[in-house]
Structure formats: C-alpha cells, structure tokens
Amino acid sequence: MSLRIAADNYSVVVREYDEERDKVAVEEMERRCEFEQQGAGSPSLVTDLMGDPISRIRLFPSHLMLVAEYGVEREVVGVIRGGVKTVTRGKSVYAKVAYVLGLRVSPTHRRLGVGAKLVQKIEEWCVRQGVEYAYMATDCTNEASINLFTLKCGYTKFRTPTVLVHPVHAHYKTLGSNIAIVGLPPRLAGSIYRRIFANSEFFPKDIDTILSNKLNLGTFIALPKTSLPKWDPKIGILPSNFAILSVWNTKEVFKLQVKGVSALTYACCVGSRILDAWLPWLNLPSIPDFFGQFGVYFLFGLHMEGKGASRLMKSLCSFAHNMARDDDGCGAIVAEVGHRDPVREAIPHWRKFSWAEDLWCIKKLTTAEEGANESCEPSDWIKSRSSSSVIFVDPRDF
C-alpha cells in the first residue's frame, strides 16, 4: 500500500522500506541531511547508523520503516521509522505507544508536505496496531521538527527530560571506598526494576527482553559493603541503601561525530589530550576525540534509595565510565532522566556537553482497552497531571 500526493505535477509515494531496493538510497539521502546540518554555521552532532538503516527499530516488538519517493525517477526523498511497545503512564497503568523517530526529508524536497505525509502514514499503521499514543523526541532548539509535529500533525509538548553527558577520559575513575558493586542477572534485574519503576512513566512492559539483549552490558547495584553480607537477592528484599543502573552499548547501532567547530575549539580539545599524555600523573580530564566517529554507553534504569545513596550512584557512574574506558572507540557515557528526578543531581556530567531539555511531544491516536482502570484514573494521559517525577528512558529510544 502507498500514499500519493500531488507536488509540482509529480507525485510523492510513501511506501514500506525494502532493504534490497532502498538501503543505498536511504543512506545517501540521510548523508545529505547530515551535510546540510553540518553547514548550518554552528557545531553539529552527526549520526552514522551502523548496518542496515532499519536495524535501530528492530529492537521493538513491532516496527515499521517508510520511505517517500518523488518524481518520475522515484527518487527517495524522505524516511521515517516507528516502534511499538507497551509502557507505564504512572500508577502501574499501561498504555500501548509508538515511538516515532528518524524522520528525514531531503533538503531539496522540503515544503512539499513530505514530512507531514510520512508522519500521517506511520500513524495510520500505528492505529492498525492498536496504539493509543504516539510520541517523538527532539532537541528543544529544533524549530522545524517541533513546528511540523505540533502545528501540522497535532502533537502536544509533553515532557522535557534532561540529557547528561560525561566524556570518557584516558584515566580510570576511583570508586568510592567501602562500596560494593554487584552485577545482577537479567531476571533479577527485571524483577527489581518492575518494583521500583511501577509508578514511573514510560517504563516498558518488555523490560526482560531489553535486559537480555546483547547490547545490554549488564545491570549493576551499588551498596555499602557492610550491607553486602545481610542482603540476599533470592528473597526479593532490597537493601535499605542502594543505587542501580544498566549499561547499553549504542556502538553497535550508531556512532556519532562532532563537526563544524571552530579551529580554536578543535585546538583546545587536541591540546588537552597532548597535555594529558605528557603529564599523565596529573589525571587531567582531557576531552576525547569527538571529531572522529565515536560510540557512547547509555545508562538507563538509574535509581537510588537510602542514606548516602548519592555517593553510591556516583560510584556506579564511575564504574560505567571505567567500562567505557576499556572499550576502544567509546567517547562518552550518557544518561537521560526526568528533570525532577532526584537521581539527576547525583549523575556526574559536563554542562557544556549536556542539555537541560530534550523535548518529547505526544499525540493521542486511539482509545485502547489495554490498561483500562477501574479507579478514577483520567482516560487521557496527555490531559492528566504527571503522577511521577520519574521518566524511564528506554535505551531503544535513545
């Protein structure tokens, strides 16, 4: 099935992505989009997908990728992706949602309605899948994307999580004294996560699938060494003081590259690494080579409880940093949390590389029976007040 619209006496055809037919054309079109962004006169972060363009959404239980063709020669001028899952909307209530991502329109074919038609077509598929809400994420400064979704496609500005970035240095970070860090098997980690994130927003129902995926490098819990002999994970009782997180390796899905910086900025970054190499005993926080392709570790499921929990979380983040330090080509560790989440203040990060608001927009598509609630829970998630300060950011969304 395809959708056609008139444009300059030609037509735009929106259809499902075909790997054999479209892979090269999609990659070339997305490179042109990245090149245009790079030439905008300010530093930009370029994304290079690893493997097939559809690989990123294959991690969702149900997914679709669409392309838009234009003209007699059927040139690929647009692309969009979508993944469907079931998540919490607070107070242990679930909703079936679709995450819309990867919308690109060729710079030479904009203002023809291609982007809006791609969104419309992916939404039609979502409705057939029984999706109740569709949402997307974008930089709060991306006016073109925000205007498309909010003004033309009926989305509402919904949540603004904070993205925290910490470069991976050449030196190992010291872990807190008297702190034990224990790796958890996926089944136990999933059980703990379901308990502590039951009242959060966007916690995925298929958490066990995520934790058992090869991209998940492990789930780790930090607790005081004095608590270690008393804690028996088999009985399901959490220690009174602990911090927990999981580490997701995005290197196998995409790599990043910073382009468009000034010569002075470039020289300062290179100089920090040279100085660090000459004087390694100073443990200077040199800046990694962000000007070549690099990968990142994404931290998710961050939670802490009890006295001194902030110190435990900082040690966990240092542990993740040291994992990344041993992985060649990993340039940063990244976490995304709700801006009111208490864990935010405990995550080490560099302000210059982080951003306070990652805008999420949402749209109600259908009324789903799944997650129906016999209580007074409002039927519309968008109109109801947020019941939690915690947003669980799915690593598949990053």
Protein backbone atom coordinates (compact mmCIF):
# COMPACT_ATOMS: atom_id res chain seq x y z
CA MET A 1 0.00 0.00 0.00
CA SER A 2 1.23 3.51 -0.79
CA LEU A 3 0.05 7.10 -0.38
CA ARG A 4 0.29 9.60 -3.26
CA ILE A 5 0.13 13.41 -3.10
CA ALA A 6 0.41 15.95 -5.90
CA ALA A 7 3.59 18.06 -5.91
CA ASP A 8 4.83 20.11 -8.85
CA ASN A 9 2.93 17.95 -11.36
CA TYR A 10 4.57 14.84 -9.96
CA SER A 11 3.55 12.66 -7.03
CA VAL A 12 5.06 11.62 -3.75
CA VAL A 13 4.68 7.93 -2.99
CA VAL A 14 5.00 6.74 0.61
CA ARG A 15 5.64 3.01 0.97
CA GLU A 16 7.29 0.47 3.22
CA TYR A 17 11.09 0.32 3.20
CA ASP A 18 12.61 -2.50 1.16
CA GLU A 19 16.16 -3.33 2.21
CA GLU A 20 17.41 -4.61 -1.14
CA ARG A 21 15.82 -1.79 -3.10
CA ASP A 22 16.24 1.19 -0.74
CA LYS A 23 19.28 0.72 1.52
CA VAL A 24 21.81 2.66 -0.60
CA ALA A 25 19.35 5.45 -1.49
CA VAL A 26 18.25 5.97 2.13
CA GLU A 27 21.83 6.11 3.37
CA GLU A 28 22.74 8.67 0.70
CA MET A 29 19.66 10.80 1.42
CA GLU A 30 20.39 10.80 5.17
CA ARG A 31 24.00 11.79 4.49
CA ARG A 32 22.73 14.81 2.53
CA CYS A 33 20.57 15.78 5.51
CA GLU A 34 23.55 15.49 7.84
CA PHE A 35 25.73 17.52 5.45
CA GLU A 36 23.15 20.32 5.37
CA GLN A 37 23.01 20.35 9.17
CA GLN A 38 26.79 20.47 9.30
CA GLY A 39 26.81 23.52 7.02
CA ALA A 40 24.40 25.50 9.17
CA GLY A 41 27.24 27.58 10.65
CA SER A 42 27.35 26.04 14.12
CA PRO A 43 28.75 22.81 15.61
CA SER A 44 26.60 19.77 14.92
CA LEU A 45 26.45 16.17 16.09
CA VAL A 46 26.32 13.82 13.11
CA THR A 47 24.84 10.35 13.50
CA ASP A 48 26.04 7.40 11.45
CA LEU A 49 23.80 4.33 11.68
CA MET A 50 25.64 1.03 11.79
CA GLY A 51 24.45 -1.74 9.49
CA ASP A 52 21.07 -1.54 7.77
CA PRO A 53 19.03 1.67 8.27
CA ILE A 54 16.20 -0.37 9.84
CA SER A 55 18.44 -2.03 12.44
CA ARG A 56 17.70 0.57 15.12
CA ILE A 57 13.97 -0.18 15.28
CA ARG A 58 14.28 -3.96 15.00
CA LEU A 59 14.68 -3.94 18.80
CA PHE A 60 11.00 -3.03 19.22
CA PRO A 61 8.37 -5.81 19.44
CA SER A 62 6.64 -4.31 16.37
CA HIS A 63 8.22 -1.81 13.98
CA LEU A 64 7.93 -0.16 10.57
CA MET A 65 10.11 1.97 8.32
CA LEU A 66 8.65 4.03 5.48
CA VAL A 67 10.25 5.86 2.57
CA ALA A 68 8.90 8.64 0.37
CA GLU A 69 9.64 8.65 -3.37
CA TYR A 70 9.31 11.67 -5.66
CA GLY A 71 9.13 12.32 -9.38
CA VAL A 72 9.28 10.17 -12.48
CA GLU A 73 12.54 8.56 -11.39
CA ARG A 74 11.10 7.76 -7.94
CA GLU A 75 13.97 9.33 -6.03
CA VAL A 76 13.95 8.55 -2.29
CA VAL A 77 13.37 11.94 -0.63
CA GLY A 78 12.16 11.05 2.85
CA VAL A 79 12.19 8.39 5.55
CA ILE A 80 10.54 7.73 8.91
CA ARG A 81 10.69 4.94 11.47
CA GLY A 82 8.36 3.78 14.22
CA GLY A 83 8.44 1.20 17.00
CA VAL A 84 5.54 -0.05 19.13
CA LYS A 85 5.67 -1.14 22.76
CA THR A 86 3.63 -1.08 25.96
CA VAL A 87 4.72 1.28 28.77
CA THR A 88 3.52 2.66 32.08
CA ARG A 89 1.82 6.03 32.20
CA GLY A 90 2.09 6.23 36.01
CA LYS A 91 0.41 4.41 38.92
CA SER A 92 1.00 0.99 37.31
CA VAL A 93 -1.34 1.85 34.42
CA TYR A 94 -0.14 0.70 31.00
CA ALA A 95 -0.65 2.17 27.53
CA LYS A 96 0.34 0.93 24.09
CA VAL A 97 2.53 3.57 22.49
CA ALA A 98 4.59 4.14 19.37
CA TYR A 99 7.92 5.92 19.33
CA VAL A 100 8.34 7.87 16.07
CA LEU A 101 11.96 8.52 15.13
CA GLY A 102 14.38 9.08 12.29
CA LEU A 103 12.23 11.45 10.24
CA ARG A 104 14.35 12.86 7.42
CA VAL A 105 13.37 14.80 4.30
CA SER A 106 15.87 15.61 1.56
CA PRO A 107 16.91 19.31 1.70
CA THR A 108 15.90 19.72 -1.96
CA HIS A 109 12.36 18.40 -1.42
CA ARG A 110 11.13 20.25 1.62
CA ARG A 111 7.94 22.33 1.85
CA LEU A 112 6.16 19.80 -0.34
CA GLY A 113 4.35 18.18 2.57
CA VAL A 114 6.59 15.09 2.51
CA GLY A 115 7.33 15.14 6.25
CA ALA A 116 3.67 15.53 7.24
CA LYS A 117 2.64 12.70 4.90
CA LEU A 118 5.29 10.39 6.33
CA VAL A 119 4.02 11.12 9.84
CA GLN A 120 0.42 10.58 8.70
CA LYS A 121 1.25 7.22 7.13
CA ILE A 122 3.18 5.94 10.15
CA GLU A 123 0.27 6.99 12.37
CA GLU A 124 -2.18 5.04 10.20
CA TRP A 125 -0.03 1.95 10.74
CA CYS A 126 0.08 2.68 14.49
CA VAL A 127 -3.72 2.79 14.66
CA ARG A 128 -3.90 -0.61 12.96
CA GLN A 129 -1.51 -1.89 15.64
CA GLY A 130 -3.88 -0.69 18.38
CA VAL A 131 -1.55 2.09 19.52
CA GLU A 132 -3.10 4.59 21.92
CA TYR A 133 -0.37 7.27 21.88
CA ALA A 134 2.47 8.21 19.53
CA TYR A 135 5.41 10.25 20.78
CA MET A 136 8.65 11.66 19.49
CA ALA A 137 11.74 13.36 20.92
CA THR A 138 13.77 16.25 19.55
CA ASP A 139 16.20 18.91 20.65
CA CYS A 140 14.23 21.84 22.08
CA THR A 141 16.07 24.12 19.61
CA ASN A 142 14.94 22.14 16.53
CA GLU A 143 12.18 24.53 15.49
CA ALA A 144 11.50 22.84 12.13
CA SER A 145 10.79 19.47 13.74
CA ILE A 146 8.78 20.98 16.59
CA ASN A 147 6.62 23.04 14.22
CA LEU A 148 5.97 20.05 11.97
CA PHE A 149 4.77 17.83 14.79
CA THR A 150 2.94 20.40 16.93
CA LEU A 151 1.49 22.76 14.31
CA LYS A 152 0.84 20.40 11.39
CA CYS A 153 0.50 16.95 12.93
CA GLY A 154 -1.37 17.69 16.18
CA TYR A 155 1.27 16.69 18.75
CA THR A 156 1.48 18.31 22.19
CA LYS A 157 4.63 19.27 24.06
CA PHE A 158 4.66 16.74 26.89
CA ARG A 159 7.87 16.08 28.85
CA THR A 160 11.36 17.60 28.93
CA PRO A 161 13.92 15.09 30.25
CA THR A 162 17.49 16.16 30.87
CA VAL A 163 20.37 14.63 28.89
CA LEU A 164 23.60 14.34 30.91
CA VAL A 165 26.87 13.62 29.10
CA HIS A 166 30.27 12.76 30.58
CA PRO A 167 33.33 12.30 28.31
CA VAL A 168 35.38 9.15 28.73
CA HIS A 169 38.85 10.13 29.92
CA ALA A 170 42.14 8.34 29.48
CA HIS A 171 42.26 7.63 33.23
CA TYR A 172 40.20 5.33 35.39
CA LYS A 173 37.89 6.91 37.92
CA THR A 174 38.26 5.97 41.57
CA LEU A 175 35.30 4.18 43.06
CA GLY A 176 34.03 5.16 46.49
CA SER A 177 35.59 3.39 49.43
CA ASN A 178 33.56 0.78 51.31
CA ILE A 179 31.18 0.47 48.36
CA ALA A 180 30.42 -2.89 46.76
CA ILE A 181 29.25 -3.09 43.13
CA VAL A 182 27.45 -6.29 42.20
CA GLY A 183 26.32 -7.43 38.77
CA LEU A 184 22.73 -8.68 38.61
CA PRO A 185 21.37 -11.41 36.32
CA PRO A 186 18.72 -10.14 33.87
CA ARG A 187 15.79 -11.91 35.54
CA LEU A 188 16.59 -10.46 38.97
CA ALA A 189 17.27 -7.02 37.48
CA GLY A 190 13.90 -7.09 35.71
CA SER A 191 12.13 -8.03 38.94
CA ILE A 192 13.77 -5.12 40.79
CA TYR A 193 13.02 -2.66 38.00
CA ARG A 194 9.34 -3.63 37.84
CA ARG A 195 9.07 -2.94 41.55
CA ILE A 196 10.86 0.42 41.72
CA PHE A 197 9.53 1.85 38.41
CA ALA A 198 5.90 0.70 38.69
CA ASN A 199 4.70 4.27 39.25
CA SER A 200 7.01 5.92 36.73
CA GLU A 201 6.21 6.99 33.18
CA PHE A 202 7.34 5.12 30.03
CA PHE A 203 8.60 2.00 31.84
CA PRO A 204 8.48 -0.76 29.17
CA LYS A 205 6.47 -3.90 29.82
CA ASP A 206 9.06 -5.95 27.91
CA ILE A 207 11.92 -4.95 30.23
CA ASP A 208 13.17 -8.56 30.37
CA THR A 209 13.72 -8.52 26.59
CA ILE A 210 15.78 -5.33 26.91
CA LEU A 211 17.91 -6.65 29.76
CA SER A 212 18.67 -9.92 27.97
CA ASN A 213 19.63 -8.17 24.71
CA LYS A 214 23.28 -8.43 23.70
CA LEU A 215 23.52 -4.61 23.64
CA ASN A 216 22.86 -4.52 27.38
CA LEU A 217 26.27 -4.87 29.02
CA GLY A 218 24.80 -5.57 32.44
CA THR A 219 22.81 -4.26 35.37
CA PHE A 220 24.75 -3.26 38.46
CA ILE A 221 23.78 -2.41 42.00
CA ALA A 222 25.96 -0.45 44.45
CA LEU A 223 25.55 -0.79 48.20
CA PRO A 224 27.65 -0.29 51.33
CA LYS A 225 29.98 -3.22 51.93
CA THR A 226 28.51 -3.53 55.42
CA SER A 227 25.13 -4.33 53.81
CA LEU A 228 26.52 -6.98 51.47
CA PRO A 229 26.51 -9.92 53.95
CA LYS A 230 22.94 -9.05 55.03
CA TRP A 231 21.46 -8.81 51.53
CA ASP A 232 20.02 -11.93 49.98
CA PRO A 233 18.68 -11.16 46.49
CA LYS A 234 16.89 -14.53 46.39
CA ILE A 235 14.31 -13.41 48.96
CA GLY A 236 13.46 -10.31 46.94
CA ILE A 237 14.06 -7.74 49.67
CA LEU A 238 16.10 -4.73 48.59
CA PRO A 239 18.77 -3.30 50.89
CA SER A 240 17.92 -0.08 52.71
CA ASN A 241 20.70 1.84 50.90
CA PHE A 242 21.43 1.14 47.25
CA ALA A 243 21.79 2.53 43.73
CA ILE A 244 21.14 0.68 40.48
CA LEU A 245 21.64 1.20 36.73
CA SER A 246 22.10 -0.70 33.46
CA VAL A 247 24.61 -0.03 30.68
CA TRP A 248 23.56 -0.11 27.00
CA ASN A 249 26.15 -0.23 24.23
CA THR A 250 24.99 2.03 21.38
CA LYS A 251 28.19 1.46 19.39
CA GLU A 252 26.62 -1.48 17.58
CA VAL A 253 23.65 0.66 16.45
CA PHE A 254 25.10 4.08 15.64
CA LYS A 255 28.18 6.24 16.05
CA LEU A 256 28.47 9.99 16.49
CA GLN A 257 30.82 12.67 15.22
CA VAL A 258 31.13 16.36 16.06
CA LYS A 259 31.55 18.63 13.05
CA GLY A 260 31.63 22.35 12.40
CA VAL A 261 33.59 23.51 15.46
CA SER A 262 35.96 26.45 15.28
CA ALA A 263 39.70 25.97 14.80
CA LEU A 264 40.29 27.31 18.32
CA THR A 265 37.91 24.79 19.88
CA TYR A 266 39.49 21.98 17.90
CA ALA A 267 42.99 23.04 19.00
CA CYS A 268 41.95 23.23 22.67
CA CYS A 269 40.50 19.73 22.57
CA VAL A 270 43.56 18.26 20.89
CA GLY A 271 45.82 20.19 23.26
CA SER A 272 44.07 18.73 26.30
CA ARG A 273 44.90 15.21 25.09
CA ILE A 274 48.53 16.10 24.31
CA LEU A 275 48.98 17.68 27.74
CA ASP A 276 47.40 14.66 29.39
CA ALA A 277 49.78 12.34 27.52
CA TRP A 278 52.80 14.38 28.65
CA LEU A 279 51.68 14.66 32.26
CA PRO A 280 49.61 11.53 32.92
CA TRP A 281 50.16 11.64 36.70
CA LEU A 282 48.02 14.79 36.91
CA ASN A 283 44.91 12.83 35.83
CA LEU A 284 43.72 15.75 33.71
CA PRO A 285 40.15 15.42 32.37
CA SER A 286 41.16 15.53 28.70
CA ILE A 287 38.50 15.67 26.01
CA PRO A 288 38.22 12.53 23.82
CA ASP A 289 38.49 12.70 20.04
CA PHE A 290 34.90 13.69 19.27
CA PHE A 291 35.94 14.79 15.76
CA GLY A 292 36.27 11.21 14.57
CA GLN A 293 33.48 8.67 14.90
CA PHE A 294 32.86 7.50 18.45
CA GLY A 295 30.33 5.43 20.34
CA VAL A 296 28.60 6.04 23.65
CA TYR A 297 27.35 3.96 26.55
CA PHE A 298 23.81 4.84 27.55
CA LEU A 299 22.93 4.49 31.23
CA PHE A 300 19.30 3.61 31.96
CA GLY A 301 17.23 2.38 34.88
CA LEU A 302 19.02 4.78 37.24
CA HIS A 303 17.54 4.72 40.73
CA MET A 304 18.79 5.26 44.26
CA GLU A 305 17.39 4.92 47.78
CA GLY A 306 18.51 5.44 51.34
CA LYS A 307 21.18 7.29 53.26
CA GLY A 308 24.26 8.13 51.22
CA ALA A 309 22.57 6.93 48.02
CA SER A 310 24.01 9.84 46.03
CA ARG A 311 27.53 8.60 46.77
CA LEU A 312 26.53 5.11 45.68
CA MET A 313 25.17 6.40 42.38
CA LYS A 314 28.31 8.41 41.67
CA SER A 315 30.38 5.27 42.21
CA LEU A 316 28.15 3.34 39.82
CA CYS A 317 28.61 6.03 37.16
CA SER A 318 32.39 5.87 37.72
CA PHE A 319 32.19 2.09 37.30
CA ALA A 320 30.37 2.56 33.98
CA HIS A 321 32.99 5.15 32.93
CA ASN A 322 35.76 2.62 33.58
CA MET A 323 33.90 0.04 31.48
CA ALA A 324 33.77 2.57 28.64
CA ARG A 325 37.46 3.42 29.20
CA ASP A 326 38.32 -0.20 28.37
CA ASP A 327 36.19 -0.18 25.21
CA ASP A 328 38.14 1.30 22.32
CA GLY A 329 36.16 3.99 20.50
CA CYS A 330 33.71 4.74 23.30
CA GLY A 331 33.85 8.51 23.77
CA ALA A 332 31.15 9.27 26.35
CA ILE A 333 28.62 7.92 28.79
CA VAL A 334 25.14 9.39 28.55
CA ALA A 335 22.10 9.33 30.83
CA GLU A 336 18.64 10.83 30.33
CA VAL A 337 16.33 11.38 33.30
CA GLY A 338 13.29 13.44 34.22
CA HIS A 339 14.22 16.99 35.17
CA ARG A 340 12.56 16.50 38.59
CA ASP A 341 14.05 13.06 39.21
CA PRO A 342 16.15 13.09 42.45
CA VAL A 343 18.80 10.95 40.76
CA ARG A 344 19.63 13.80 38.39
CA GLU A 345 21.87 15.62 40.87
CA ALA A 346 23.94 12.50 41.56
CA ILE A 347 24.94 11.81 37.93
CA PRO A 348 28.40 13.21 37.04
CA HIS A 349 28.30 15.21 33.80
CA TRP A 350 29.82 18.11 31.89
CA ARG A 351 27.42 21.02 31.42
CA LYS A 352 28.95 22.06 28.11
CA PHE A 353 28.14 18.67 26.60
CA SER A 354 24.74 18.20 28.26
CA TRP A 355 21.38 19.83 27.59
CA ALA A 356 18.68 20.64 30.09
CA GLU A 357 15.65 19.88 27.93
CA ASP A 358 15.11 17.11 25.43
CA LEU A 359 11.58 17.85 24.22
CA TRP A 360 9.11 14.96 24.00
CA CYS A 361 5.86 15.56 22.09
CA ILE A 362 2.87 13.22 22.20
CA LYS A 363 -0.43 12.64 20.39
CA LYS A 364 -3.43 10.51 21.28
CA LEU A 365 -4.36 8.21 18.40
CA THR A 366 -6.95 5.76 19.73
CA THR A 367 -8.65 4.69 22.94
CA ALA A 368 -7.06 1.40 23.94
CA GLU A 369 -8.70 -1.15 26.19
CA GLU A 370 -5.37 -2.37 27.48
CA GLY A 371 -4.54 -0.72 30.77
CA ALA A 372 -8.19 0.18 31.44
CA ASN A 373 -8.52 1.22 35.05
CA GLU A 374 -11.48 0.78 37.36
CA SER A 375 -10.35 3.68 39.55
CA CYS A 376 -10.71 7.40 38.82
CA GLU A 377 -7.59 7.45 36.64
CA PRO A 378 -8.13 10.02 33.83
CA SER A 379 -8.60 8.33 30.45
CA ASP A 380 -6.34 10.82 28.64
CA TRP A 381 -2.70 10.62 29.66
CA ILE A 382 -1.95 13.96 28.00
CA LYS A 383 -4.54 15.89 29.99
CA SER A 384 -3.83 14.21 33.34
CA ARG A 385 -1.23 15.62 35.70
CA SER A 386 2.04 13.74 35.87
CA SER A 387 1.84 11.24 38.70
CA SER A 388 5.61 10.78 38.96
CA SER A 389 8.81 12.77 38.69
CA VAL A 390 10.49 9.71 37.19
CA ILE A 391 10.66 9.03 33.45
CA PHE A 392 12.13 5.69 32.44
CA VAL A 393 14.06 6.36 29.25
CA ASP A 394 14.11 3.18 27.16
CA PRO A 395 17.59 2.65 25.62
CA ARG A 396 15.88 1.75 22.33
CA ASP A 397 14.56 5.33 22.20
CA PHE A 398 17.99 6.91 22.52
